[in-house]
Amino acid sequence: MSAYKFLLWDIDGTILDFLASEKAALKALFLRYGLGECTDEMIGRYSAINVRYWQMLEKGEMSKPDILVGRFREFFEREGIDASKAEAFNADYQQALGDTIVFRDECLPLLLEQRETHILAAITNGTRAAQKKKLARSGLDMVFDHIYISETVGFEKPNK
């Protein structure tokens, strides 16, 4: 028997392959917005910007609304794309992230096994819109006993 009653899980990059969802969402939205092809190299440049912005959020240097739009504004400017599209693009991106669900390794069987002996909770900094869609489409909303989305609870990880 485990000494732990509760097991806390992150969603993006732990259970679900966030990079696969990110890539699919960016490619689809570039086509929808008539921005041409979003190459893998462009996605790499966007990902570097995105990681830097999320690190600023974790350090308390930026608010979540500022990072969500700011990352696309910076990316678009660097790529020579009209940055005025950043806000609308981000809104659509939040939904598009939930269109592609890819589980990492053997996470789902592991979660189902752990659910038999533990109380499972998802803890995520992802946006409410993106996470609710991902959790519903993946079936994880039925696996976890508790789901804590930072926007809903009012605190970002790693804040207590």
N, C-alpha and C. Protein backbone atom coordinates (compact mmCIF):
# COMPACT_ATOMS: atom_id res chain seq x y z
N MET A 1 0.85 -1.18 0.00
CA MET A 1 0.00 0.00 0.00
C MET A 1 0.89 1.24 0.00
N SER A 2 0.51 2.20 -0.79
CA SER A 2 1.28 3.43 -0.94
C SER A 2 1.10 4.33 0.28
N ALA A 3 2.14 5.09 0.59
CA ALA A 3 2.07 6.06 1.68
C ALA A 3 1.30 7.30 1.24
N TYR A 4 1.03 7.41 -0.06
CA TYR A 4 0.36 8.59 -0.59
C TYR A 4 -1.10 8.30 -0.88
N LYS A 5 -1.95 9.22 -0.46
CA LYS A 5 -3.38 9.11 -0.73
C LYS A 5 -3.74 9.85 -2.02
N PHE A 6 -3.10 11.00 -2.23
CA PHE A 6 -3.35 11.85 -3.39
C PHE A 6 -2.15 11.82 -4.33
N LEU A 7 -2.40 11.79 -5.62
CA LEU A 7 -1.35 11.94 -6.62
C LEU A 7 -1.71 13.13 -7.50
N LEU A 8 -0.79 14.07 -7.62
CA LEU A 8 -1.00 15.28 -8.41
C LEU A 8 -0.30 15.13 -9.75
N TRP A 9 -1.01 15.47 -10.81
CA TRP A 9 -0.48 15.33 -12.16
C TRP A 9 -0.60 16.65 -12.92
N ASP A 10 0.42 16.96 -13.68
CA ASP A 10 0.36 18.04 -14.65
C ASP A 10 -0.21 17.45 -15.94
N ILE A 11 -0.81 18.30 -16.76
CA ILE A 11 -1.40 17.81 -18.01
C ILE A 11 -0.41 17.92 -19.17
N ASP A 12 -0.03 19.15 -19.49
CA ASP A 12 0.79 19.42 -20.68
C ASP A 12 2.25 19.04 -20.47
N GLY A 13 2.73 18.19 -21.35
CA GLY A 13 4.13 17.78 -21.28
C GLY A 13 4.37 16.64 -20.31
N THR A 14 3.34 16.24 -19.58
CA THR A 14 3.46 15.12 -18.65
C THR A 14 2.54 13.99 -19.12
N ILE A 15 1.26 14.25 -19.14
CA ILE A 15 0.29 13.24 -19.61
C ILE A 15 0.07 13.38 -21.11
N LEU A 16 -0.16 14.61 -21.54
CA LEU A 16 -0.39 14.86 -22.97
C LEU A 16 0.84 15.49 -23.61
N ASP A 17 1.07 15.13 -24.85
CA ASP A 17 2.20 15.67 -25.62
C ASP A 17 1.82 17.07 -26.09
N PHE A 18 2.21 18.06 -25.31
CA PHE A 18 1.86 19.44 -25.62
C PHE A 18 2.46 19.89 -26.95
N LEU A 19 3.69 19.49 -27.22
CA LEU A 19 4.35 19.94 -28.45
C LEU A 19 3.61 19.46 -29.70
N ALA A 20 3.04 18.26 -29.65
CA ALA A 20 2.25 17.76 -30.78
C ALA A 20 0.99 18.61 -30.98
N SER A 21 0.34 18.96 -29.88
CA SER A 21 -0.86 19.81 -29.96
C SER A 21 -0.51 21.21 -30.44
N GLU A 22 0.59 21.75 -29.92
CA GLU A 22 1.05 23.08 -30.32
C GLU A 22 1.31 23.13 -31.82
N LYS A 23 2.04 22.16 -32.31
CA LYS A 23 2.40 22.10 -33.73
C LYS A 23 1.15 22.02 -34.61
N ALA A 24 0.23 21.14 -34.27
CA ALA A 24 -0.99 20.97 -35.05
C ALA A 24 -1.83 22.25 -35.02
N ALA A 25 -1.94 22.87 -33.85
CA ALA A 25 -2.74 24.09 -33.73
C ALA A 25 -2.14 25.23 -34.54
N LEU A 26 -0.84 25.43 -34.44
CA LEU A 26 -0.19 26.51 -35.19
C LEU A 26 -0.33 26.30 -36.69
N LYS A 27 -0.09 25.09 -37.16
CA LYS A 27 -0.19 24.82 -38.60
C LYS A 27 -1.62 25.07 -39.10
N ALA A 28 -2.60 24.60 -38.35
CA ALA A 28 -4.00 24.77 -38.76
C ALA A 28 -4.40 26.25 -38.77
N LEU A 29 -3.98 26.98 -37.75
CA LEU A 29 -4.37 28.39 -37.66
C LEU A 29 -3.66 29.26 -38.70
N PHE A 30 -2.43 28.93 -39.04
CA PHE A 30 -1.74 29.68 -40.10
C PHE A 30 -2.53 29.55 -41.40
N LEU A 31 -3.03 28.36 -41.68
CA LEU A 31 -3.83 28.17 -42.89
C LEU A 31 -5.15 28.92 -42.79
N ARG A 32 -5.82 28.81 -41.64
CA ARG A 32 -7.11 29.48 -41.45
C ARG A 32 -6.98 31.00 -41.57
N TYR A 33 -5.89 31.55 -41.08
CA TYR A 33 -5.66 33.00 -41.12
C TYR A 33 -5.02 33.46 -42.43
N GLY A 34 -4.76 32.53 -43.34
CA GLY A 34 -4.15 32.89 -44.61
C GLY A 34 -2.72 33.39 -44.47
N LEU A 35 -1.99 32.84 -43.51
CA LEU A 35 -0.62 33.28 -43.25
C LEU A 35 0.41 32.41 -43.95
N GLY A 36 -0.03 31.49 -44.77
CA GLY A 36 0.90 30.60 -45.46
C GLY A 36 1.24 29.40 -44.59
N GLU A 37 2.31 28.73 -44.96
CA GLU A 37 2.73 27.54 -44.23
C GLU A 37 3.50 27.94 -42.97
N CYS A 38 3.19 27.27 -41.89
CA CYS A 38 3.96 27.44 -40.65
C CYS A 38 4.93 26.26 -40.61
N THR A 39 6.19 26.55 -40.90
CA THR A 39 7.19 25.49 -40.98
C THR A 39 7.61 25.00 -39.59
N ASP A 40 8.27 23.87 -39.56
CA ASP A 40 8.78 23.35 -38.29
C ASP A 40 9.80 24.31 -37.68
N GLU A 41 10.56 24.98 -38.52
CA GLU A 41 11.53 25.96 -38.02
C GLU A 41 10.81 27.13 -37.35
N MET A 42 9.71 27.59 -37.95
CA MET A 42 8.92 28.66 -37.35
C MET A 42 8.33 28.22 -36.01
N ILE A 43 7.86 26.98 -35.97
CA ILE A 43 7.31 26.45 -34.72
C ILE A 43 8.39 26.41 -33.65
N GLY A 44 9.60 26.05 -34.02
CA GLY A 44 10.71 26.05 -33.07
C GLY A 44 10.97 27.44 -32.52
N ARG A 45 10.91 28.44 -33.39
CA ARG A 45 11.13 29.83 -32.94
C ARG A 45 9.98 30.28 -32.03
N TYR A 46 8.75 29.92 -32.40
CA TYR A 46 7.60 30.25 -31.55
C TYR A 46 7.73 29.57 -30.19
N SER A 47 8.09 28.29 -30.19
CA SER A 47 8.19 27.54 -28.92
C SER A 47 9.20 28.18 -27.98
N ALA A 48 10.32 28.65 -28.52
CA ALA A 48 11.33 29.31 -27.67
C ALA A 48 10.76 30.58 -27.04
N ILE A 49 10.02 31.35 -27.82
CA ILE A 49 9.37 32.55 -27.29
C ILE A 49 8.34 32.16 -26.24
N ASN A 50 7.54 31.16 -26.54
CA ASN A 50 6.49 30.71 -25.63
C ASN A 50 7.06 30.27 -24.28
N VAL A 51 8.13 29.47 -24.32
CA VAL A 51 8.76 29.00 -23.07
C VAL A 51 9.24 30.19 -22.25
N ARG A 52 9.87 31.14 -22.91
CA ARG A 52 10.38 32.32 -22.20
C ARG A 52 9.24 33.10 -21.54
N TYR A 53 8.12 33.24 -22.24
CA TYR A 53 6.98 33.96 -21.67
C TYR A 53 6.39 33.22 -20.47
N TRP A 54 6.26 31.89 -20.56
CA TRP A 54 5.73 31.12 -19.42
C TRP A 54 6.68 31.19 -18.23
N GLN A 55 7.98 31.24 -18.48
CA GLN A 55 8.94 31.39 -17.38
C GLN A 55 8.76 32.74 -16.70
N MET A 56 8.46 33.79 -17.47
CA MET A 56 8.20 35.10 -16.88
C MET A 56 6.94 35.06 -16.02
N LEU A 57 5.94 34.31 -16.45
CA LEU A 57 4.72 34.16 -15.65
C LEU A 57 5.05 33.48 -14.33
N GLU A 58 5.82 32.40 -14.38
CA GLU A 58 6.17 31.66 -13.17
C GLU A 58 6.97 32.51 -12.19
N LYS A 59 7.74 33.44 -12.71
CA LYS A 59 8.53 34.34 -11.86
C LYS A 59 7.73 35.56 -11.41
N GLY A 60 6.49 35.67 -11.87
CA GLY A 60 5.64 36.80 -11.50
C GLY A 60 5.98 38.08 -12.24
N GLU A 61 6.67 37.97 -13.37
CA GLU A 61 7.09 39.15 -14.13
C GLU A 61 6.06 39.61 -15.14
N MET A 62 5.08 38.75 -15.46
CA MET A 62 4.02 39.09 -16.41
C MET A 62 2.74 38.42 -15.96
N SER A 63 1.62 38.98 -16.37
CA SER A 63 0.33 38.36 -16.10
C SER A 63 0.00 37.37 -17.22
N LYS A 64 -0.89 36.44 -16.94
CA LYS A 64 -1.24 35.46 -17.96
C LYS A 64 -1.83 36.11 -19.21
N PRO A 65 -2.77 37.07 -19.09
CA PRO A 65 -3.27 37.70 -20.32
C PRO A 65 -2.15 38.34 -21.15
N ASP A 66 -1.16 38.92 -20.47
CA ASP A 66 -0.05 39.55 -21.19
C ASP A 66 0.81 38.52 -21.92
N ILE A 67 1.02 37.37 -21.31
CA ILE A 67 1.86 36.37 -21.98
C ILE A 67 1.12 35.74 -23.15
N LEU A 68 -0.18 35.51 -22.99
CA LEU A 68 -0.93 34.80 -24.03
C LEU A 68 -0.91 35.55 -25.35
N VAL A 69 -1.11 36.85 -25.29
CA VAL A 69 -1.10 37.66 -26.52
C VAL A 69 0.32 38.10 -26.85
N GLY A 70 1.10 38.44 -25.84
CA GLY A 70 2.46 38.95 -26.07
C GLY A 70 3.34 37.99 -26.83
N ARG A 71 3.23 36.71 -26.54
CA ARG A 71 4.07 35.72 -27.23
C ARG A 71 3.78 35.70 -28.72
N PHE A 72 2.49 35.82 -29.08
CA PHE A 72 2.14 35.83 -30.50
C PHE A 72 2.51 37.17 -31.14
N ARG A 73 2.36 38.24 -30.40
CA ARG A 73 2.75 39.55 -30.93
C ARG A 73 4.24 39.54 -31.27
N GLU A 74 5.06 39.07 -30.33
CA GLU A 74 6.50 39.02 -30.57
C GLU A 74 6.84 38.07 -31.72
N PHE A 75 6.24 36.90 -31.73
CA PHE A 75 6.48 35.92 -32.80
C PHE A 75 6.10 36.49 -34.16
N PHE A 76 4.92 37.09 -34.25
CA PHE A 76 4.48 37.66 -35.53
C PHE A 76 5.42 38.76 -36.00
N GLU A 77 5.81 39.62 -35.07
CA GLU A 77 6.73 40.70 -35.45
C GLU A 77 8.04 40.15 -35.98
N ARG A 78 8.56 39.14 -35.33
CA ARG A 78 9.83 38.54 -35.77
C ARG A 78 9.70 37.84 -37.12
N GLU A 79 8.51 37.32 -37.41
CA GLU A 79 8.29 36.60 -38.66
C GLU A 79 7.79 37.52 -39.77
N GLY A 80 7.60 38.81 -39.48
CA GLY A 80 7.11 39.74 -40.49
C GLY A 80 5.62 39.60 -40.76
N ILE A 81 4.88 39.17 -39.75
CA ILE A 81 3.43 39.00 -39.85
C ILE A 81 2.76 40.14 -39.10
N ASP A 82 1.61 40.58 -39.59
CA ASP A 82 0.86 41.66 -38.95
C ASP A 82 0.52 41.28 -37.51
N ALA A 83 1.16 41.96 -36.55
CA ALA A 83 1.00 41.63 -35.13
C ALA A 83 -0.38 42.01 -34.59
N SER A 84 -1.15 42.78 -35.33
CA SER A 84 -2.49 43.14 -34.85
C SER A 84 -3.42 41.92 -34.82
N LYS A 85 -3.00 40.83 -35.45
CA LYS A 85 -3.80 39.59 -35.44
C LYS A 85 -3.55 38.75 -34.18
N ALA A 86 -2.60 39.16 -33.35
CA ALA A 86 -2.17 38.33 -32.23
C ALA A 86 -3.29 38.00 -31.26
N GLU A 87 -4.13 38.95 -30.92
CA GLU A 87 -5.18 38.70 -29.93
C GLU A 87 -6.21 37.69 -30.44
N ALA A 88 -6.69 37.88 -31.66
CA ALA A 88 -7.66 36.95 -32.23
C ALA A 88 -7.02 35.57 -32.44
N PHE A 89 -5.77 35.57 -32.90
CA PHE A 89 -5.05 34.32 -33.12
C PHE A 89 -4.95 33.54 -31.82
N ASN A 90 -4.60 34.22 -30.73
CA ASN A 90 -4.49 33.55 -29.44
C ASN A 90 -5.82 32.95 -29.00
N ALA A 91 -6.91 33.68 -29.19
CA ALA A 91 -8.23 33.16 -28.80
C ALA A 91 -8.54 31.87 -29.55
N ASP A 92 -8.26 31.86 -30.85
CA ASP A 92 -8.50 30.65 -31.63
C ASP A 92 -7.51 29.54 -31.27
N TYR A 93 -6.31 29.93 -30.94
CA TYR A 93 -5.27 28.97 -30.54
C TYR A 93 -5.69 28.21 -29.29
N GLN A 94 -6.31 28.89 -28.34
CA GLN A 94 -6.74 28.23 -27.11
C GLN A 94 -7.68 27.07 -27.41
N GLN A 95 -8.56 27.25 -28.38
CA GLN A 95 -9.48 26.18 -28.76
C GLN A 95 -8.76 25.11 -29.60
N ALA A 96 -7.89 25.56 -30.51
CA ALA A 96 -7.21 24.63 -31.41
C ALA A 96 -6.27 23.69 -30.66
N LEU A 97 -5.76 24.10 -29.51
CA LEU A 97 -4.89 23.22 -28.72
C LEU A 97 -5.59 21.93 -28.31
N GLY A 98 -6.89 21.98 -28.18
CA GLY A 98 -7.65 20.80 -27.77
C GLY A 98 -8.10 19.93 -28.93
N ASP A 99 -7.74 20.31 -30.16
CA ASP A 99 -8.15 19.53 -31.32
C ASP A 99 -7.29 18.30 -31.54
N THR A 100 -6.05 18.33 -31.09
CA THR A 100 -5.13 17.21 -31.27
C THR A 100 -4.73 16.68 -29.90
N ILE A 101 -5.13 15.45 -29.62
CA ILE A 101 -4.84 14.82 -28.34
C ILE A 101 -3.84 13.68 -28.57
N VAL A 102 -2.68 13.81 -27.95
CA VAL A 102 -1.66 12.76 -28.04
C VAL A 102 -1.18 12.48 -26.62
N PHE A 103 -1.43 11.25 -26.18
CA PHE A 103 -0.95 10.84 -24.85
C PHE A 103 0.53 10.54 -24.91
N ARG A 104 1.23 10.85 -23.86
CA ARG A 104 2.66 10.52 -23.74
C ARG A 104 2.80 9.11 -23.20
N ASP A 105 3.67 8.37 -23.82
CA ASP A 105 4.06 7.03 -23.37
C ASP A 105 2.86 6.21 -22.89
N GLU A 106 2.94 5.71 -21.71
CA GLU A 106 1.89 4.84 -21.16
C GLU A 106 1.10 5.55 -20.06
N CYS A 107 0.90 6.84 -20.22
CA CYS A 107 0.27 7.62 -19.15
C CYS A 107 -1.16 7.21 -18.84
N LEU A 108 -1.97 6.99 -19.86
CA LEU A 108 -3.37 6.66 -19.59
C LEU A 108 -3.51 5.35 -18.83
N PRO A 109 -2.88 4.26 -19.27
CA PRO A 109 -2.99 3.02 -18.46
C PRO A 109 -2.47 3.21 -17.03
N LEU A 110 -1.40 3.98 -16.87
CA LEU A 110 -0.86 4.23 -15.54
C LEU A 110 -1.87 4.98 -14.68
N LEU A 111 -2.50 6.01 -15.25
CA LEU A 111 -3.50 6.77 -14.49
C LEU A 111 -4.68 5.87 -14.09
N LEU A 112 -5.13 5.05 -15.01
CA LEU A 112 -6.26 4.17 -14.71
C LEU A 112 -5.90 3.17 -13.61
N GLU A 113 -4.66 2.71 -13.63
CA GLU A 113 -4.20 1.80 -12.57
C GLU A 113 -4.13 2.54 -11.23
N GLN A 114 -3.55 3.74 -11.25
CA GLN A 114 -3.41 4.50 -10.01
C GLN A 114 -4.76 4.92 -9.43
N ARG A 115 -5.71 5.10 -10.29
CA ARG A 115 -7.04 5.53 -9.83
C ARG A 115 -7.69 4.50 -8.90
N GLU A 116 -7.28 3.27 -9.03
CA GLU A 116 -7.85 2.21 -8.19
C GLU A 116 -7.42 2.33 -6.73
N THR A 117 -6.26 2.97 -6.48
CA THR A 117 -5.72 3.02 -5.12
C THR A 117 -5.44 4.43 -4.60
N HIS A 118 -5.63 5.44 -5.47
CA HIS A 118 -5.31 6.81 -5.09
C HIS A 118 -6.40 7.79 -5.54
N ILE A 119 -6.37 8.95 -4.96
CA ILE A 119 -7.19 10.05 -5.43
C ILE A 119 -6.31 10.86 -6.37
N LEU A 120 -6.76 11.03 -7.61
CA LEU A 120 -5.97 11.71 -8.63
C LEU A 120 -6.45 13.14 -8.84
N ALA A 121 -5.49 14.05 -8.93
CA ALA A 121 -5.82 15.45 -9.19
C ALA A 121 -4.94 15.97 -10.32
N ALA A 122 -5.55 16.71 -11.23
CA ALA A 122 -4.81 17.39 -12.30
C ALA A 122 -4.58 18.82 -11.84
N ILE A 123 -3.35 19.29 -11.99
CA ILE A 123 -2.97 20.64 -11.60
C ILE A 123 -2.34 21.28 -12.84
N THR A 124 -2.94 22.35 -13.37
CA THR A 124 -2.44 22.89 -14.63
C THR A 124 -2.48 24.41 -14.69
N ASN A 125 -1.46 24.98 -15.34
CA ASN A 125 -1.41 26.41 -15.63
C ASN A 125 -2.01 26.74 -16.99
N GLY A 126 -2.35 25.74 -17.76
CA GLY A 126 -2.95 25.99 -19.07
C GLY A 126 -4.22 26.81 -18.91
N THR A 127 -4.65 27.43 -19.98
CA THR A 127 -5.85 28.27 -19.89
C THR A 127 -7.09 27.40 -19.68
N ARG A 128 -8.09 27.98 -19.08
CA ARG A 128 -9.34 27.26 -18.83
C ARG A 128 -9.93 26.74 -20.14
N ALA A 129 -9.97 27.60 -21.17
CA ALA A 129 -10.56 27.19 -22.45
C ALA A 129 -9.82 26.00 -23.05
N ALA A 130 -8.50 26.08 -23.10
CA ALA A 130 -7.71 25.00 -23.70
C ALA A 130 -7.82 23.72 -22.87
N GLN A 131 -7.70 23.84 -21.56
CA GLN A 131 -7.67 22.64 -20.71
C GLN A 131 -9.02 21.94 -20.67
N LYS A 132 -10.10 22.68 -20.60
CA LYS A 132 -11.42 22.04 -20.54
C LYS A 132 -11.65 21.21 -21.81
N LYS A 133 -11.27 21.77 -22.95
CA LYS A 133 -11.45 21.03 -24.21
C LYS A 133 -10.55 19.80 -24.25
N LYS A 134 -9.28 19.96 -23.86
CA LYS A 134 -8.35 18.83 -23.86
C LYS A 134 -8.84 17.72 -22.93
N LEU A 135 -9.25 18.12 -21.73
CA LEU A 135 -9.68 17.12 -20.75
C LEU A 135 -10.92 16.37 -21.22
N ALA A 136 -11.85 17.08 -21.83
CA ALA A 136 -13.07 16.44 -22.33
C ALA A 136 -12.77 15.52 -23.52
N ARG A 137 -12.01 16.01 -24.48
CA ARG A 137 -11.72 15.23 -25.69
C ARG A 137 -10.85 14.02 -25.40
N SER A 138 -9.99 14.11 -24.39
CA SER A 138 -9.10 13.01 -24.05
C SER A 138 -9.76 12.00 -23.11
N GLY A 139 -10.86 12.40 -22.47
CA GLY A 139 -11.49 11.55 -21.47
C GLY A 139 -10.89 11.70 -20.09
N LEU A 140 -9.87 12.55 -19.97
CA LEU A 140 -9.22 12.72 -18.67
C LEU A 140 -10.14 13.38 -17.65
N ASP A 141 -11.14 14.09 -18.11
CA ASP A 141 -12.09 14.70 -17.17
C ASP A 141 -12.85 13.63 -16.38
N MET A 142 -12.89 12.41 -16.91
CA MET A 142 -13.56 11.31 -16.23
C MET A 142 -12.58 10.46 -15.41
N VAL A 143 -11.28 10.70 -15.58
CA VAL A 143 -10.25 9.94 -14.88
C VAL A 143 -9.88 10.61 -13.56
N PHE A 144 -9.76 11.94 -13.59
CA PHE A 144 -9.33 12.67 -12.41
C PHE A 144 -10.48 12.90 -11.43
N ASP A 145 -10.17 12.76 -10.15
CA ASP A 145 -11.14 13.05 -9.11
C ASP A 145 -11.29 14.56 -8.91
N HIS A 146 -10.19 15.28 -9.11
CA HIS A 146 -10.18 16.73 -8.95
C HIS A 146 -9.36 17.34 -10.08
N ILE A 147 -9.81 18.49 -10.57
CA ILE A 147 -9.08 19.21 -11.61
C ILE A 147 -8.94 20.66 -11.16
N TYR A 148 -7.70 21.13 -11.09
CA TYR A 148 -7.41 22.49 -10.67
C TYR A 148 -6.72 23.23 -11.81
N ILE A 149 -7.43 24.18 -12.38
CA ILE A 149 -6.90 25.02 -13.45
C ILE A 149 -6.60 26.37 -12.84
N SER A 150 -5.38 26.84 -13.04
CA SER A 150 -4.92 28.06 -12.35
C SER A 150 -5.88 29.24 -12.52
N GLU A 151 -6.42 29.43 -13.71
CA GLU A 151 -7.36 30.54 -13.91
C GLU A 151 -8.59 30.41 -13.03
N THR A 152 -9.01 29.19 -12.80
CA THR A 152 -10.21 28.95 -12.00
C THR A 152 -9.95 29.15 -10.51
N VAL A 153 -8.78 28.68 -10.04
CA VAL A 153 -8.49 28.77 -8.62
C VAL A 153 -7.85 30.10 -8.23
N GLY A 154 -7.35 30.83 -9.23
CA GLY A 154 -6.79 32.17 -8.95
C GLY A 154 -5.32 32.21 -8.61
N PHE A 155 -4.61 31.10 -8.80
CA PHE A 155 -3.17 31.04 -8.52
C PHE A 155 -2.48 30.26 -9.62
N GLU A 156 -1.29 30.72 -9.99
CA GLU A 156 -0.48 30.02 -10.99
C GLU A 156 0.51 29.12 -10.27
N LYS A 157 0.81 27.98 -10.89
CA LYS A 157 1.89 27.15 -10.37
C LYS A 157 3.17 27.95 -10.55
N PRO A 158 4.08 27.92 -9.66
CA PRO A 158 4.20 27.04 -8.49
C PRO A 158 3.68 27.68 -7.20
N ASN A 159 2.87 28.73 -7.28
CA ASN A 159 2.37 29.36 -6.04
C ASN A 159 1.55 28.35 -5.24
N LYS A 160 1.68 28.48 -3.91
CA LYS A 160 0.94 27.56 -3.03
C LYS A 160 -0.55 27.86 -3.12
